[in-house]
Each structure stands twice: as C-alpha cells, then as structure tokens.
Amino acid sequence: MTEEEIARRRPRSDGQRNRERLIEAASAAFKAGEIDVPLDEVARRAGVGIGTLYRHFPTRDALIETVYRNEVAALGQAAKQLAATHAPLDALRGWMRLFVDYIAAKQLIAPALNSLVGGTSELYAETGVSMKTAINELVGRAVESGEMRADLDPFDLLRALVGVANVASDAAWEASAKRLIDILIAGSRPDAGK
C-alpha cells in the first residue's frame, strides 16, 4: 500500500467512535461550565485512555477547536434538514431557536476558545461563513415563498439575537431571545407595519 493510499484510508470504526465520544465528553463539560476540565477527565468520561485522546487531539487547543467546529457544523446541517422538512418560516424559526442554543453554548465555550494559542479570528471567520450561508438560504426560501420582505438583510436577524445575548446578564436571556424570534419574524413579514 502506498503512502497516498494509507493517507486516504478511512479511519477505523472504533477509532471514529472514540473520537466522537471524546468530542461529546468535552462538549458536555464545556457546556456545563467546566472550561478547565483536565484532559484525563475528558478521556475518562469518554471511556478511553489518555493516549487515545492525544492520538486524536494532540493539544487542548485542537480539542477545543474541534468541539466548536462541531457545534457550527451541526447548526449548518440543521439548516439543511429544516429546509428540507419544514415550510420556509417554520424552518427559519426552528433554526433561529437552535442559533440561540448555539449562542448559549458559545458563551460557555468562549473562555476556552479565547485561550487558543493561535487566536480565534481565523476560526470565527471560517465558521461565520457557515452561519451566513445557513441564514441566507433559510431567509431566501421565506422571501421566495412571499412570507418575508425582499429587502431584509438575513444577518440582521442573527445580529438581533446576538445583541440580546450580549446585553443579558441573567439566565432568562435565552427565553427572551427565543421570544424575540417571533417578533423578528413578524416584523419581517411583507405586510408588517401596514
């Protein structure tokens, strides 16, 4: 087998399962506010040895970045799934609710993200493209269906939700942000303000 064939070889299924369990364990810890959870504890919670963790994630930064990228990828995948299974406004509403959950998770993961040695600007730029693509497609469907104004900047909807998260100082901000979704959608209807 050539080196190129080895490089293209799919990971073993048990190795892939171990990687997924490590990501899930780290994600759960970060979302629970355990930003400084020791890596050996992440490995223990995932049911693998520390060597397995380091084989998949040679540094703490690599694990943190992967957890964050997975959160963003899940949100992008959810946009596609919602668009395929729901009416345009229902898909948009559902995705925006997931976006609020993402903001909550990001707020918990942010201290860990900010500790990345290489910085986060490139990571945020890459993942921001995914967010913009998702919201553009969902709003585009709603505009095409005639349920939303054509002059709407889709990213304004996300800015409004992020704004609520940034000014909120209590745990009730998530419920407030989710109520805001219906207000934003109602205000984005073609007949709003008439």
N, C-alpha and C. Protein backbone atom coordinates (compact mmCIF):
# COMPACT_ATOMS: atom_id res chain seq x y z
N MET A 1 0.85 -1.17 0.00
CA MET A 1 0.00 0.00 0.00
C MET A 1 0.90 1.24 0.00
N THR A 2 0.62 2.18 -0.89
CA THR A 2 1.42 3.40 -0.98
C THR A 2 1.06 4.34 0.17
N GLU A 3 1.93 5.34 0.40
CA GLU A 3 1.64 6.33 1.45
C GLU A 3 0.35 7.09 1.14
N GLU A 4 0.11 7.37 -0.13
CA GLU A 4 -1.10 8.08 -0.51
C GLU A 4 -2.34 7.26 -0.19
N GLU A 5 -2.27 5.95 -0.43
CA GLU A 5 -3.41 5.08 -0.12
C GLU A 5 -3.64 5.02 1.39
N ILE A 6 -2.57 4.98 2.15
CA ILE A 6 -2.69 4.97 3.60
C ILE A 6 -3.33 6.26 4.10
N ALA A 7 -2.90 7.39 3.53
CA ALA A 7 -3.44 8.69 3.94
C ALA A 7 -4.93 8.81 3.63
N ARG A 8 -5.37 8.18 2.54
CA ARG A 8 -6.77 8.25 2.15
C ARG A 8 -7.64 7.22 2.86
N ARG A 9 -7.01 6.28 3.53
CA ARG A 9 -7.75 5.21 4.19
C ARG A 9 -8.69 5.78 5.24
N ARG A 10 -9.87 5.27 5.26
CA ARG A 10 -10.85 5.73 6.24
C ARG A 10 -10.43 5.30 7.63
N PRO A 11 -10.75 6.12 8.63
CA PRO A 11 -10.40 5.73 10.00
C PRO A 11 -11.20 4.48 10.40
N ARG A 12 -10.60 3.69 11.25
CA ARG A 12 -11.29 2.51 11.75
C ARG A 12 -12.53 2.95 12.49
N SER A 13 -13.55 2.11 12.46
CA SER A 13 -14.82 2.49 13.09
C SER A 13 -14.67 2.69 14.59
N ASP A 14 -13.85 1.87 15.27
CA ASP A 14 -13.68 2.07 16.71
C ASP A 14 -12.91 3.36 16.99
N GLY A 15 -11.98 3.71 16.12
CA GLY A 15 -11.26 4.97 16.27
C GLY A 15 -12.19 6.16 16.07
N GLN A 16 -13.08 6.06 15.11
CA GLN A 16 -14.05 7.13 14.86
C GLN A 16 -15.01 7.26 16.04
N ARG A 17 -15.45 6.13 16.57
CA ARG A 17 -16.35 6.16 17.74
C ARG A 17 -15.65 6.80 18.94
N ASN A 18 -14.39 6.45 19.14
CA ASN A 18 -13.63 7.04 20.25
C ASN A 18 -13.51 8.55 20.08
N ARG A 19 -13.23 8.98 18.87
CA ARG A 19 -13.13 10.43 18.59
C ARG A 19 -14.45 11.12 18.90
N GLU A 20 -15.55 10.54 18.45
CA GLU A 20 -16.86 11.13 18.70
C GLU A 20 -17.18 11.18 20.18
N ARG A 21 -16.83 10.13 20.91
CA ARG A 21 -17.08 10.13 22.37
C ARG A 21 -16.25 11.19 23.06
N LEU A 22 -15.02 11.38 22.62
CA LEU A 22 -14.17 12.43 23.20
C LEU A 22 -14.76 13.82 22.96
N ILE A 23 -15.24 14.04 21.74
CA ILE A 23 -15.84 15.34 21.41
C ILE A 23 -17.10 15.55 22.24
N GLU A 24 -17.93 14.51 22.36
CA GLU A 24 -19.16 14.63 23.16
C GLU A 24 -18.84 14.91 24.62
N ALA A 25 -17.85 14.22 25.17
CA ALA A 25 -17.48 14.42 26.58
C ALA A 25 -16.95 15.83 26.81
N ALA A 26 -16.10 16.30 25.91
CA ALA A 26 -15.55 17.65 26.04
C ALA A 26 -16.64 18.69 25.87
N SER A 27 -17.52 18.50 24.89
CA SER A 27 -18.61 19.43 24.65
C SER A 27 -19.51 19.53 25.88
N ALA A 28 -19.87 18.38 26.45
CA ALA A 28 -20.73 18.38 27.64
C ALA A 28 -20.05 19.11 28.80
N ALA A 29 -18.77 18.89 28.97
CA ALA A 29 -18.03 19.56 30.05
C ALA A 29 -18.01 21.07 29.83
N PHE A 30 -17.69 21.49 28.61
CA PHE A 30 -17.62 22.93 28.31
C PHE A 30 -18.99 23.59 28.51
N LYS A 31 -20.05 22.91 28.04
CA LYS A 31 -21.40 23.48 28.17
C LYS A 31 -21.84 23.54 29.63
N ALA A 32 -21.27 22.69 30.45
CA ALA A 32 -21.59 22.69 31.88
C ALA A 32 -20.72 23.71 32.64
N GLY A 33 -19.91 24.46 31.89
CA GLY A 33 -19.08 25.47 32.51
C GLY A 33 -17.72 24.97 32.99
N GLU A 34 -17.41 23.72 32.68
CA GLU A 34 -16.13 23.13 33.09
C GLU A 34 -15.06 23.41 32.04
N ILE A 35 -14.74 24.67 31.86
CA ILE A 35 -13.82 25.06 30.79
C ILE A 35 -12.42 24.50 31.03
N ASP A 36 -12.01 24.41 32.27
CA ASP A 36 -10.66 23.94 32.60
C ASP A 36 -10.63 22.45 32.94
N VAL A 37 -11.63 21.71 32.47
CA VAL A 37 -11.66 20.28 32.76
C VAL A 37 -10.35 19.64 32.29
N PRO A 38 -9.70 18.86 33.15
CA PRO A 38 -8.45 18.20 32.75
C PRO A 38 -8.69 17.22 31.60
N LEU A 39 -7.72 17.11 30.73
CA LEU A 39 -7.87 16.22 29.57
C LEU A 39 -8.01 14.77 29.99
N ASP A 40 -7.34 14.37 31.06
CA ASP A 40 -7.51 12.98 31.50
C ASP A 40 -8.93 12.72 32.00
N GLU A 41 -9.60 13.76 32.50
CA GLU A 41 -11.00 13.63 32.91
C GLU A 41 -11.91 13.51 31.68
N VAL A 42 -11.60 14.26 30.63
CA VAL A 42 -12.36 14.14 29.38
C VAL A 42 -12.23 12.71 28.85
N ALA A 43 -11.01 12.19 28.86
CA ALA A 43 -10.78 10.82 28.39
C ALA A 43 -11.56 9.82 29.24
N ARG A 44 -11.52 10.00 30.57
CA ARG A 44 -12.23 9.10 31.47
C ARG A 44 -13.73 9.12 31.18
N ARG A 45 -14.30 10.31 31.02
CA ARG A 45 -15.74 10.44 30.75
C ARG A 45 -16.11 9.83 29.39
N ALA A 46 -15.17 9.86 28.47
CA ALA A 46 -15.42 9.28 27.15
C ALA A 46 -15.20 7.77 27.14
N GLY A 47 -14.62 7.26 28.23
CA GLY A 47 -14.38 5.82 28.32
C GLY A 47 -13.18 5.36 27.53
N VAL A 48 -12.20 6.26 27.37
CA VAL A 48 -10.98 5.90 26.64
C VAL A 48 -9.76 6.31 27.47
N GLY A 49 -8.61 5.86 27.06
CA GLY A 49 -7.38 6.23 27.73
C GLY A 49 -6.86 7.58 27.25
N ILE A 50 -5.97 8.15 28.04
CA ILE A 50 -5.41 9.47 27.69
C ILE A 50 -4.61 9.39 26.39
N GLY A 51 -4.00 8.25 26.11
CA GLY A 51 -3.27 8.09 24.86
C GLY A 51 -4.20 8.19 23.65
N THR A 52 -5.39 7.64 23.79
CA THR A 52 -6.37 7.74 22.71
C THR A 52 -6.76 9.19 22.48
N LEU A 53 -6.95 9.93 23.58
CA LEU A 53 -7.29 11.34 23.44
C LEU A 53 -6.19 12.07 22.67
N TYR A 54 -4.93 11.85 23.08
CA TYR A 54 -3.82 12.56 22.43
C TYR A 54 -3.60 12.10 20.99
N ARG A 55 -3.98 10.87 20.65
CA ARG A 55 -3.88 10.43 19.26
C ARG A 55 -4.83 11.24 18.37
N HIS A 56 -6.00 11.54 18.91
CA HIS A 56 -7.00 12.29 18.14
C HIS A 56 -6.81 13.80 18.27
N PHE A 57 -6.39 14.24 19.44
CA PHE A 57 -6.25 15.67 19.73
C PHE A 57 -4.91 15.91 20.42
N PRO A 58 -3.88 16.20 19.63
CA PRO A 58 -2.54 16.33 20.21
C PRO A 58 -2.39 17.47 21.21
N THR A 59 -3.32 18.44 21.16
CA THR A 59 -3.26 19.55 22.11
C THR A 59 -4.66 19.86 22.63
N ARG A 60 -4.73 20.55 23.73
CA ARG A 60 -6.01 21.01 24.28
C ARG A 60 -6.71 21.92 23.27
N ASP A 61 -5.92 22.78 22.62
CA ASP A 61 -6.47 23.69 21.62
C ASP A 61 -7.16 22.93 20.49
N ALA A 62 -6.56 21.81 20.07
CA ALA A 62 -7.15 21.02 18.99
C ALA A 62 -8.52 20.48 19.40
N LEU A 63 -8.64 20.06 20.65
CA LEU A 63 -9.91 19.55 21.14
C LEU A 63 -10.95 20.67 21.23
N ILE A 64 -10.57 21.80 21.78
CA ILE A 64 -11.49 22.94 21.91
C ILE A 64 -11.98 23.39 20.54
N GLU A 65 -11.05 23.51 19.61
CA GLU A 65 -11.42 23.95 18.25
C GLU A 65 -12.36 22.96 17.59
N THR A 66 -12.11 21.67 17.78
CA THR A 66 -12.97 20.66 17.17
C THR A 66 -14.37 20.70 17.76
N VAL A 67 -14.47 20.89 19.07
CA VAL A 67 -15.79 20.99 19.71
C VAL A 67 -16.55 22.17 19.12
N TYR A 68 -15.88 23.30 18.99
CA TYR A 68 -16.53 24.49 18.44
C TYR A 68 -16.95 24.28 16.99
N ARG A 69 -16.05 23.72 16.20
CA ARG A 69 -16.38 23.47 14.79
C ARG A 69 -17.56 22.50 14.66
N ASN A 70 -17.63 21.52 15.55
CA ASN A 70 -18.75 20.58 15.51
C ASN A 70 -20.07 21.28 15.82
N GLU A 71 -20.05 22.22 16.77
CA GLU A 71 -21.26 22.99 17.10
C GLU A 71 -21.74 23.74 15.86
N VAL A 72 -20.81 24.38 15.17
CA VAL A 72 -21.15 25.15 13.98
C VAL A 72 -21.62 24.23 12.85
N ALA A 73 -20.95 23.11 12.67
CA ALA A 73 -21.34 22.17 11.62
C ALA A 73 -22.73 21.62 11.88
N ALA A 74 -23.05 21.35 13.14
CA ALA A 74 -24.38 20.84 13.48
C ALA A 74 -25.45 21.88 13.15
N LEU A 75 -25.13 23.13 13.38
CA LEU A 75 -26.08 24.20 13.07
C LEU A 75 -26.28 24.32 11.56
N GLY A 76 -25.21 24.18 10.80
CA GLY A 76 -25.32 24.20 9.34
C GLY A 76 -26.12 23.03 8.82
N GLN A 77 -25.89 21.86 9.38
CA GLN A 77 -26.64 20.67 8.97
C GLN A 77 -28.11 20.82 9.34
N ALA A 78 -28.38 21.40 10.50
CA ALA A 78 -29.77 21.60 10.92
C ALA A 78 -30.50 22.51 9.95
N ALA A 79 -29.83 23.52 9.43
CA ALA A 79 -30.47 24.42 8.46
C ALA A 79 -30.92 23.64 7.24
N LYS A 80 -30.06 22.75 6.74
CA LYS A 80 -30.41 21.94 5.57
C LYS A 80 -31.58 21.00 5.87
N GLN A 81 -31.52 20.37 7.03
CA GLN A 81 -32.57 19.43 7.40
C GLN A 81 -33.91 20.15 7.60
N LEU A 82 -33.89 21.27 8.28
CA LEU A 82 -35.12 22.03 8.49
C LEU A 82 -35.69 22.52 7.16
N ALA A 83 -34.82 22.98 6.27
CA ALA A 83 -35.28 23.46 4.97
C ALA A 83 -35.93 22.34 4.16
N ALA A 84 -35.44 21.14 4.34
CA ALA A 84 -35.97 20.00 3.59
C ALA A 84 -37.26 19.45 4.18
N THR A 85 -37.53 19.75 5.45
CA THR A 85 -38.67 19.10 6.11
C THR A 85 -39.74 20.06 6.63
N HIS A 86 -39.50 21.37 6.53
CA HIS A 86 -40.45 22.34 7.09
C HIS A 86 -40.77 23.44 6.07
N ALA A 87 -41.90 24.06 6.29
CA ALA A 87 -42.26 25.24 5.50
C ALA A 87 -41.22 26.34 5.77
N PRO A 88 -41.02 27.26 4.83
CA PRO A 88 -39.95 28.25 4.97
C PRO A 88 -39.89 28.99 6.31
N LEU A 89 -41.00 29.56 6.76
CA LEU A 89 -40.96 30.30 8.03
C LEU A 89 -40.74 29.38 9.22
N ASP A 90 -41.31 28.20 9.19
CA ASP A 90 -41.11 27.24 10.28
C ASP A 90 -39.65 26.79 10.34
N ALA A 91 -39.05 26.58 9.18
CA ALA A 91 -37.63 26.20 9.13
C ALA A 91 -36.76 27.32 9.69
N LEU A 92 -37.05 28.55 9.28
CA LEU A 92 -36.28 29.69 9.78
C LEU A 92 -36.44 29.84 11.29
N ARG A 93 -37.67 29.77 11.77
CA ARG A 93 -37.94 29.89 13.20
C ARG A 93 -37.21 28.80 13.98
N GLY A 94 -37.31 27.57 13.51
CA GLY A 94 -36.64 26.45 14.18
C GLY A 94 -35.14 26.62 14.22
N TRP A 95 -34.57 27.08 13.11
CA TRP A 95 -33.12 27.26 13.06
C TRP A 95 -32.68 28.41 13.97
N MET A 96 -33.46 29.46 14.01
CA MET A 96 -33.11 30.58 14.89
C MET A 96 -33.15 30.17 16.36
N ARG A 97 -34.06 29.28 16.70
CA ARG A 97 -34.10 28.76 18.08
C ARG A 97 -32.82 27.96 18.37
N LEU A 98 -32.40 27.18 17.40
CA LEU A 98 -31.14 26.44 17.56
C LEU A 98 -29.95 27.40 17.65
N PHE A 99 -30.04 28.51 16.92
CA PHE A 99 -28.97 29.51 16.97
C PHE A 99 -28.86 30.11 18.37
N VAL A 100 -29.99 30.32 19.03
CA VAL A 100 -29.96 30.82 20.41
C VAL A 100 -29.25 29.79 21.31
N ASP A 101 -29.55 28.51 21.10
CA ASP A 101 -28.87 27.47 21.87
C ASP A 101 -27.36 27.50 21.59
N TYR A 102 -27.01 27.73 20.33
CA TYR A 102 -25.60 27.83 19.94
C TYR A 102 -24.93 29.00 20.64
N ILE A 103 -25.62 30.15 20.71
CA ILE A 103 -25.05 31.32 21.38
C ILE A 103 -24.79 30.98 22.85
N ALA A 104 -25.75 30.31 23.47
CA ALA A 104 -25.59 29.94 24.88
C ALA A 104 -24.38 29.03 25.06
N ALA A 105 -24.23 28.06 24.17
CA ALA A 105 -23.07 27.15 24.25
C ALA A 105 -21.79 27.91 23.99
N LYS A 106 -21.82 28.81 23.02
CA LYS A 106 -20.62 29.57 22.69
C LYS A 106 -20.20 30.45 23.86
N GLN A 107 -21.17 31.01 24.58
CA GLN A 107 -20.82 31.84 25.73
C GLN A 107 -20.08 31.02 26.78
N LEU A 108 -20.48 29.76 26.93
CA LEU A 108 -19.80 28.90 27.88
C LEU A 108 -18.43 28.46 27.38
N ILE A 109 -18.33 28.23 26.07
CA ILE A 109 -17.08 27.76 25.48
C ILE A 109 -16.11 28.92 25.23
N ALA A 110 -16.62 30.14 25.17
CA ALA A 110 -15.80 31.31 24.81
C ALA A 110 -14.51 31.43 25.61
N PRO A 111 -14.53 31.25 26.93
CA PRO A 111 -13.25 31.35 27.64
C PRO A 111 -12.21 30.35 27.14
N ALA A 112 -12.67 29.14 26.83
CA ALA A 112 -11.74 28.13 26.29
C ALA A 112 -11.29 28.53 24.90
N LEU A 113 -12.22 29.03 24.08
CA LEU A 113 -11.85 29.46 22.73
C LEU A 113 -10.83 30.60 22.79
N ASN A 114 -11.04 31.53 23.72
CA ASN A 114 -10.14 32.67 23.83
C ASN A 114 -8.74 32.26 24.28
N SER A 115 -8.62 31.06 24.83
CA SER A 115 -7.31 30.59 25.26
C SER A 115 -6.51 29.95 24.13
N LEU A 116 -7.12 29.80 22.95
CA LEU A 116 -6.41 29.18 21.83
C LEU A 116 -5.14 29.96 21.53
N VAL A 117 -4.05 29.24 21.42
CA VAL A 117 -2.75 29.86 21.19
C VAL A 117 -2.72 30.62 19.88
N GLY A 118 -3.31 30.07 18.84
CA GLY A 118 -3.28 30.71 17.53
C GLY A 118 -4.31 31.80 17.35
N GLY A 119 -5.11 32.07 18.39
CA GLY A 119 -6.14 33.08 18.26
C GLY A 119 -7.41 32.50 17.67
N THR A 120 -8.45 33.30 17.67
CA THR A 120 -9.75 32.81 17.20
C THR A 120 -10.25 33.53 15.96
N SER A 121 -9.58 34.57 15.53
CA SER A 121 -10.12 35.36 14.42
C SER A 121 -10.29 34.52 13.15
N GLU A 122 -9.34 33.69 12.84
CA GLU A 122 -9.46 32.85 11.64
C GLU A 122 -10.56 31.81 11.82
N LEU A 123 -10.64 31.22 13.01
CA LEU A 123 -11.67 30.24 13.30
C LEU A 123 -13.05 30.87 13.19
N TYR A 124 -13.23 32.04 13.78
CA TYR A 124 -14.53 32.73 13.72
C TYR A 124 -14.86 33.13 12.28
N ALA A 125 -13.86 33.54 11.51
CA ALA A 125 -14.11 33.92 10.12
C ALA A 125 -14.62 32.73 9.32
N GLU A 126 -13.97 31.58 9.51
CA GLU A 126 -14.37 30.37 8.78
C GLU A 126 -15.78 29.93 9.18
N THR A 127 -16.05 29.92 10.48
CA THR A 127 -17.35 29.45 10.93
C THR A 127 -18.44 30.49 10.66
N GLY A 128 -18.06 31.76 10.60
CA GLY A 128 -19.03 32.81 10.28
C GLY A 128 -19.60 32.62 8.89
N VAL A 129 -18.79 32.13 7.97
CA VAL A 129 -19.27 31.86 6.61
C VAL A 129 -20.38 30.82 6.65
N SER A 130 -20.22 29.81 7.48
CA SER A 130 -21.23 28.76 7.61
C SER A 130 -22.55 29.34 8.14
N MET A 131 -22.46 30.23 9.14
CA MET A 131 -23.67 30.86 9.69
C MET A 131 -24.37 31.71 8.64
N LYS A 132 -23.58 32.50 7.92
CA LYS A 132 -24.16 33.38 6.90
C LYS A 132 -24.83 32.56 5.80
N THR A 133 -24.20 31.48 5.40
CA THR A 133 -24.78 30.63 4.37
C THR A 133 -26.12 30.06 4.83
N ALA A 134 -26.16 29.56 6.06
CA ALA A 134 -27.39 28.96 6.58
C ALA A 134 -28.52 29.99 6.64
N ILE A 135 -28.27 31.14 7.23
CA ILE A 135 -29.33 32.14 7.38
C ILE A 135 -29.75 32.70 6.02
N ASN A 136 -28.79 32.89 5.12
CA ASN A 136 -29.13 33.38 3.78
C ASN A 136 -30.06 32.41 3.05
N GLU A 137 -29.76 31.13 3.14
CA GLU A 137 -30.59 30.14 2.45
C GLU A 137 -31.99 30.06 3.06
N LEU A 138 -32.07 30.08 4.38
CA LEU A 138 -33.38 29.98 5.03
C LEU A 138 -34.23 31.22 4.77
N VAL A 139 -33.63 32.39 4.88
CA VAL A 139 -34.38 33.62 4.59
C VAL A 139 -34.72 33.68 3.11
N GLY A 140 -33.82 33.25 2.26
CA GLY A 140 -34.09 33.23 0.81
C GLY A 140 -35.33 32.42 0.49
N ARG A 141 -35.48 31.27 1.13
CA ARG A 141 -36.67 30.44 0.92
C ARG A 141 -37.93 31.18 1.36
N ALA A 142 -37.83 31.86 2.51
CA ALA A 142 -39.00 32.58 3.03
C ALA A 142 -39.36 33.77 2.14
N VAL A 143 -38.36 34.42 1.58
CA VAL A 143 -38.61 35.54 0.65
C VAL A 143 -39.26 35.00 -0.62
N GLU A 144 -38.72 33.91 -1.16
CA GLU A 144 -39.28 33.31 -2.37
C GLU A 144 -40.73 32.88 -2.18
N SER A 145 -41.06 32.44 -0.98
CA SER A 145 -42.43 31.99 -0.71
C SER A 145 -43.37 33.18 -0.50
N GLY A 146 -42.81 34.39 -0.41
CA GLY A 146 -43.62 35.58 -0.20
C GLY A 146 -43.94 35.85 1.26
N GLU A 147 -43.32 35.08 2.15
CA GLU A 147 -43.62 35.23 3.58
C GLU A 147 -42.71 36.25 4.29
N MET A 148 -41.66 36.71 3.61
CA MET A 148 -40.77 37.70 4.19
C MET A 148 -40.46 38.78 3.17
N ARG A 149 -40.15 39.96 3.68
CA ARG A 149 -39.81 41.09 2.82
C ARG A 149 -38.52 40.81 2.06
N ALA A 150 -38.47 41.24 0.84
CA ALA A 150 -37.29 41.01 -0.01
C ALA A 150 -36.12 41.90 0.38
N ASP A 151 -36.38 43.02 1.07
CA ASP A 151 -35.30 43.94 1.42
C ASP A 151 -34.63 43.61 2.75
N LEU A 152 -34.96 42.49 3.32
CA LEU A 152 -34.42 42.08 4.61
C LEU A 152 -32.97 41.62 4.47
N ASP A 153 -32.11 42.09 5.35
CA ASP A 153 -30.74 41.57 5.43
C ASP A 153 -30.78 40.39 6.39
N PRO A 154 -30.63 39.17 5.91
CA PRO A 154 -30.75 38.00 6.77
C PRO A 154 -29.87 38.06 8.02
N PHE A 155 -28.68 38.61 7.87
CA PHE A 155 -27.76 38.62 9.00
C PHE A 155 -28.25 39.55 10.12
N ASP A 156 -29.14 40.50 9.80
CA ASP A 156 -29.70 41.36 10.83
C ASP A 156 -30.48 40.56 11.87
N LEU A 157 -31.11 39.48 11.44
CA LEU A 157 -31.83 38.62 12.38
C LEU A 157 -30.88 38.02 13.40
N LEU A 158 -29.73 37.58 12.93
CA LEU A 158 -28.75 36.99 13.85
C LEU A 158 -28.13 38.06 14.75
N ARG A 159 -27.87 39.23 14.18
CA ARG A 159 -27.32 40.32 14.99
C ARG A 159 -28.24 40.66 16.15
N ALA A 160 -29.54 40.67 15.88
CA ALA A 160 -30.51 40.98 16.94
C ALA A 160 -30.44 39.94 18.06
N LEU A 161 -30.35 38.67 17.69
CA LEU A 161 -30.28 37.61 18.70
C LEU A 161 -28.98 37.67 19.49
N VAL A 162 -27.88 37.92 18.79
CA VAL A 162 -26.59 38.05 19.47
C VAL A 162 -26.61 39.26 20.39
N GLY A 163 -27.26 40.33 19.94
CA GLY A 163 -27.36 41.53 20.76
C GLY A 163 -28.07 41.26 22.07
N VAL A 164 -29.16 40.49 22.03
CA VAL A 164 -29.88 40.14 23.26
C VAL A 164 -28.95 39.36 24.18
N ALA A 165 -28.17 38.44 23.62
CA ALA A 165 -27.26 37.65 24.44
C ALA A 165 -26.17 38.51 25.06
N ASN A 166 -25.71 39.52 24.33
CA ASN A 166 -24.63 40.36 24.84
C ASN A 166 -25.06 41.31 25.94
N VAL A 167 -26.33 41.71 25.94
CA VAL A 167 -26.78 42.64 26.98
C VAL A 167 -27.42 41.90 28.15
N ALA A 168 -27.70 40.64 27.98
CA ALA A 168 -28.35 39.89 29.05
C ALA A 168 -27.36 39.55 30.15
N SER A 169 -27.81 39.69 31.36
CA SER A 169 -26.94 39.37 32.48
C SER A 169 -27.51 38.26 33.35
N ASP A 170 -28.65 37.73 32.96
CA ASP A 170 -29.24 36.66 33.75
C ASP A 170 -29.57 35.46 32.88
N ALA A 171 -29.98 34.40 33.53
CA ALA A 171 -30.25 33.15 32.82
C ALA A 171 -31.50 33.24 31.94
N ALA A 172 -32.33 34.24 32.16
CA ALA A 172 -33.58 34.36 31.39
C ALA A 172 -33.37 34.90 29.98
N TRP A 173 -32.13 35.25 29.63
CA TRP A 173 -31.91 35.83 28.30
C TRP A 173 -32.27 34.85 27.19
N GLU A 174 -32.07 33.54 27.42
CA GLU A 174 -32.38 32.57 26.37
C GLU A 174 -33.87 32.57 26.06
N ALA A 175 -34.70 32.57 27.09
CA ALA A 175 -36.15 32.61 26.87
C ALA A 175 -36.54 33.90 26.17
N SER A 176 -35.91 35.00 26.57
CA SER A 176 -36.19 36.29 25.95
C SER A 176 -35.79 36.27 24.48
N ALA A 177 -34.63 35.71 24.18
CA ALA A 177 -34.15 35.64 22.80
C ALA A 177 -35.08 34.78 21.95
N LYS A 178 -35.59 33.70 22.53
CA LYS A 178 -36.49 32.84 21.77
C LYS A 178 -37.83 33.52 21.52
N ARG A 179 -38.29 34.36 22.47
CA ARG A 179 -39.50 35.16 22.22
C ARG A 179 -39.23 36.20 21.14
N LEU A 180 -38.04 36.74 21.14
CA LEU A 180 -37.66 37.75 20.15
C LEU A 180 -37.72 37.20 18.73
N ILE A 181 -37.49 35.92 18.56
CA ILE A 181 -37.54 35.30 17.23
C ILE A 181 -38.90 35.56 16.58
N ASP A 182 -39.97 35.34 17.32
CA ASP A 182 -41.30 35.56 16.74
C ASP A 182 -41.53 37.04 16.43
N ILE A 183 -41.00 37.91 17.25
CA ILE A 183 -41.12 39.35 16.99
C ILE A 183 -40.35 39.72 15.73
N LEU A 184 -39.15 39.19 15.60
CA LEU A 184 -38.33 39.48 14.42
C LEU A 184 -38.99 38.96 13.14
N ILE A 185 -39.52 37.76 13.22
CA ILE A 185 -40.18 37.19 12.04
C ILE A 185 -41.44 37.99 11.70
N ALA A 186 -42.22 38.35 12.71
CA ALA A 186 -43.44 39.14 12.45
C ALA A 186 -43.07 40.49 11.82
N GLY A 187 -42.01 41.10 12.29
CA GLY A 187 -41.58 42.38 11.74
C GLY A 187 -40.94 42.28 10.38
N SER A 188 -40.64 41.08 9.95
CA SER A 188 -40.00 40.86 8.65
C SER A 188 -41.01 40.43 7.58
N ARG A 189 -42.26 40.32 7.96
CA ARG A 189 -43.30 39.92 7.01
C ARG A 189 -43.54 41.07 6.02
N PRO A 190 -43.95 40.76 4.82
CA PRO A 190 -44.18 41.81 3.81
C PRO A 190 -45.23 42.84 4.24
N ASP A 191 -46.20 42.41 5.03
CA ASP A 191 -47.27 43.33 5.44
C ASP A 191 -47.01 43.99 6.79
N ALA A 192 -45.83 43.79 7.37
CA ALA A 192 -45.51 44.37 8.68
C ALA A 192 -45.48 45.90 8.59
N GLY A 193 -46.07 46.54 9.55
CA GLY A 193 -46.06 48.00 9.60
C GLY A 193 -47.11 48.67 8.75
N LYS A 194 -47.97 47.90 8.11
CA LYS A 194 -49.01 48.49 7.27
C LYS A 194 -50.29 48.67 8.04
